[in-house]
């Protein structure tokens, strides 16, 4: 199975922080269906990337 993540911690941190910013901004618009969808997808991506980030050695 292909892993959709980078191979170093610096770029992984950048990806994770970008996903957290997008998810955080979507949380401000939970009253709108698009905000709910973005928050849900963003949270799933953040969780997946967090687990991938934790497995990186350097």
N, C-alpha and C. Protein backbone atom coordinates (compact mmCIF):
# COMPACT_ATOMS: atom_id res chain seq x y z
N UNK A 1 0.85 -1.19 0.00
CA UNK A 1 0.00 0.00 0.00
C UNK A 1 0.89 1.24 0.00
N UNK A 2 0.55 2.19 -0.83
CA UNK A 2 1.32 3.42 -0.92
C UNK A 2 1.09 4.28 0.31
N UNK A 3 2.16 4.89 0.78
CA UNK A 3 2.06 5.79 1.92
C UNK A 3 2.12 7.22 1.42
N UNK A 4 1.11 7.99 1.68
CA UNK A 4 1.03 9.36 1.19
C UNK A 4 1.60 10.30 2.24
N UNK A 5 2.93 10.25 2.38
CA UNK A 5 3.60 11.10 3.35
C UNK A 5 5.06 11.21 2.94
N UNK A 6 5.72 12.23 3.42
CA UNK A 6 7.13 12.46 3.09
C UNK A 6 8.03 11.54 3.91
N UNK A 7 9.31 11.59 3.64
CA UNK A 7 10.23 10.69 4.30
C UNK A 7 11.15 11.37 5.31
N UNK A 8 10.92 12.65 5.63
CA UNK A 8 11.74 13.29 6.66
C UNK A 8 10.85 14.12 7.58
N UNK A 9 11.35 14.35 8.79
CA UNK A 9 10.54 14.99 9.83
C UNK A 9 10.26 16.47 9.54
N UNK A 10 11.19 17.16 8.91
CA UNK A 10 10.99 18.58 8.64
C UNK A 10 9.80 18.80 7.70
N UNK A 11 9.78 18.08 6.59
CA UNK A 11 8.66 18.21 5.65
C UNK A 11 7.38 17.64 6.23
N UNK A 12 7.50 16.60 7.05
CA UNK A 12 6.33 16.05 7.71
C UNK A 12 5.69 17.06 8.66
N UNK A 13 6.52 17.80 9.38
CA UNK A 13 6.00 18.82 10.28
C UNK A 13 5.29 19.93 9.50
N UNK A 14 5.83 20.26 8.36
CA UNK A 14 5.19 21.28 7.51
C UNK A 14 3.82 20.81 7.03
N UNK A 15 3.75 19.57 6.57
CA UNK A 15 2.47 19.04 6.11
C UNK A 15 1.45 19.00 7.25
N UNK A 16 1.89 18.52 8.39
CA UNK A 16 0.99 18.41 9.53
C UNK A 16 0.49 19.77 9.99
N UNK A 17 1.38 20.75 10.05
CA UNK A 17 0.95 22.07 10.50
C UNK A 17 0.00 22.72 9.49
N UNK A 18 0.23 22.49 8.21
CA UNK A 18 -0.69 23.03 7.20
C UNK A 18 -2.07 22.40 7.33
N UNK A 19 -2.11 21.10 7.55
CA UNK A 19 -3.40 20.43 7.73
C UNK A 19 -4.10 20.92 8.99
N UNK A 20 -3.35 21.18 10.05
CA UNK A 20 -3.95 21.69 11.28
C UNK A 20 -4.53 23.09 11.09
N UNK A 21 -3.86 23.93 10.32
CA UNK A 21 -4.37 25.29 10.05
C UNK A 21 -5.66 25.22 9.25
N UNK A 22 -5.69 24.38 8.22
CA UNK A 22 -6.90 24.26 7.40
C UNK A 22 -8.05 23.70 8.24
N UNK A 23 -7.76 22.69 9.05
CA UNK A 23 -8.81 22.12 9.91
C UNK A 23 -9.29 23.14 10.93
N UNK A 24 -8.37 23.88 11.50
CA UNK A 24 -8.75 24.90 12.48
C UNK A 24 -9.62 25.99 11.87
N UNK A 25 -9.30 26.41 10.65
CA UNK A 25 -10.14 27.43 10.01
C UNK A 25 -11.51 26.86 9.63
N UNK A 26 -11.57 25.58 9.31
CA UNK A 26 -12.86 24.95 9.00
C UNK A 26 -13.72 24.84 10.25
N UNK A 27 -13.10 24.71 11.41
CA UNK A 27 -13.86 24.62 12.66
C UNK A 27 -14.62 25.91 12.98
N UNK A 28 -14.15 27.04 12.45
CA UNK A 28 -14.85 28.29 12.67
C UNK A 28 -16.17 28.35 11.90
N UNK A 29 -16.31 27.53 10.87
CA UNK A 29 -17.52 27.52 10.05
C UNK A 29 -18.26 26.20 10.13
N UNK A 30 -18.40 25.66 11.32
CA UNK A 30 -19.13 24.41 11.49
C UNK A 30 -20.62 24.56 11.24
N UNK A 31 -21.11 25.79 11.17
CA UNK A 31 -22.52 26.00 10.91
C UNK A 31 -22.87 25.80 9.43
N UNK A 32 -21.85 25.75 8.57
CA UNK A 32 -22.05 25.58 7.13
C UNK A 32 -21.65 24.15 6.73
N UNK A 33 -22.38 23.53 5.79
CA UNK A 33 -22.05 22.15 5.40
C UNK A 33 -20.64 21.99 4.86
N UNK A 34 -20.14 22.97 4.12
CA UNK A 34 -18.77 22.86 3.60
C UNK A 34 -17.76 22.93 4.75
N UNK A 35 -18.02 23.75 5.75
CA UNK A 35 -17.14 23.80 6.92
C UNK A 35 -17.13 22.49 7.67
N UNK A 36 -18.28 21.86 7.78
CA UNK A 36 -18.36 20.56 8.45
C UNK A 36 -17.58 19.50 7.67
N UNK A 37 -17.73 19.51 6.35
CA UNK A 37 -17.03 18.54 5.51
C UNK A 37 -15.51 18.75 5.58
N UNK A 38 -15.07 20.00 5.49
CA UNK A 38 -13.64 20.28 5.57
C UNK A 38 -13.07 19.92 6.94
N UNK A 39 -13.83 20.19 8.00
CA UNK A 39 -13.36 19.85 9.33
C UNK A 39 -13.23 18.34 9.50
N UNK A 40 -14.17 17.60 8.97
CA UNK A 40 -14.12 16.13 9.07
C UNK A 40 -12.96 15.56 8.26
N UNK A 41 -12.82 15.99 7.03
CA UNK A 41 -11.73 15.49 6.19
C UNK A 41 -10.38 15.94 6.75
N UNK A 42 -10.30 17.18 7.18
CA UNK A 42 -9.05 17.69 7.75
C UNK A 42 -8.64 16.95 9.01
N UNK A 43 -9.60 16.63 9.85
CA UNK A 43 -9.28 15.89 11.07
C UNK A 43 -8.76 14.49 10.74
N UNK A 44 -9.37 13.85 9.76
CA UNK A 44 -8.89 12.51 9.37
C UNK A 44 -7.48 12.58 8.78
N UNK A 45 -7.21 13.58 7.96
CA UNK A 45 -5.87 13.74 7.39
C UNK A 45 -4.84 14.04 8.49
N UNK A 46 -5.22 14.89 9.44
CA UNK A 46 -4.31 15.21 10.54
C UNK A 46 -3.97 13.98 11.37
N UNK A 47 -4.96 13.17 11.65
CA UNK A 47 -4.71 11.96 12.43
C UNK A 47 -3.80 10.99 11.66
N UNK A 48 -4.09 10.81 10.39
CA UNK A 48 -3.26 9.91 9.56
C UNK A 48 -1.83 10.43 9.48
N UNK A 49 -1.65 11.73 9.20
CA UNK A 49 -0.32 12.28 9.09
C UNK A 49 0.41 12.29 10.43
N UNK A 50 -0.31 12.41 11.53
CA UNK A 50 0.33 12.36 12.84
C UNK A 50 0.94 10.98 13.08
N UNK A 51 0.19 9.93 12.75
CA UNK A 51 0.72 8.57 12.91
C UNK A 51 1.91 8.34 11.98
N UNK A 52 1.84 8.85 10.76
CA UNK A 52 2.98 8.72 9.84
C UNK A 52 4.18 9.50 10.35
N UNK A 53 3.95 10.70 10.88
CA UNK A 53 5.03 11.54 11.40
C UNK A 53 5.72 10.86 12.58
N UNK A 54 4.95 10.22 13.44
CA UNK A 54 5.53 9.56 14.61
C UNK A 54 6.43 8.39 14.24
N UNK A 55 6.25 7.80 13.06
CA UNK A 55 7.06 6.67 12.63
C UNK A 55 8.38 7.07 11.98
N UNK A 56 8.53 8.37 11.66
CA UNK A 56 9.76 8.82 11.02
C UNK A 56 10.90 8.86 12.05
N UNK A 57 12.09 8.49 11.62
CA UNK A 57 13.25 8.47 12.50
C UNK A 57 13.99 9.81 12.49
N UNK A 58 14.15 10.40 11.32
CA UNK A 58 14.91 11.67 11.25
C UNK A 58 14.29 12.59 10.24
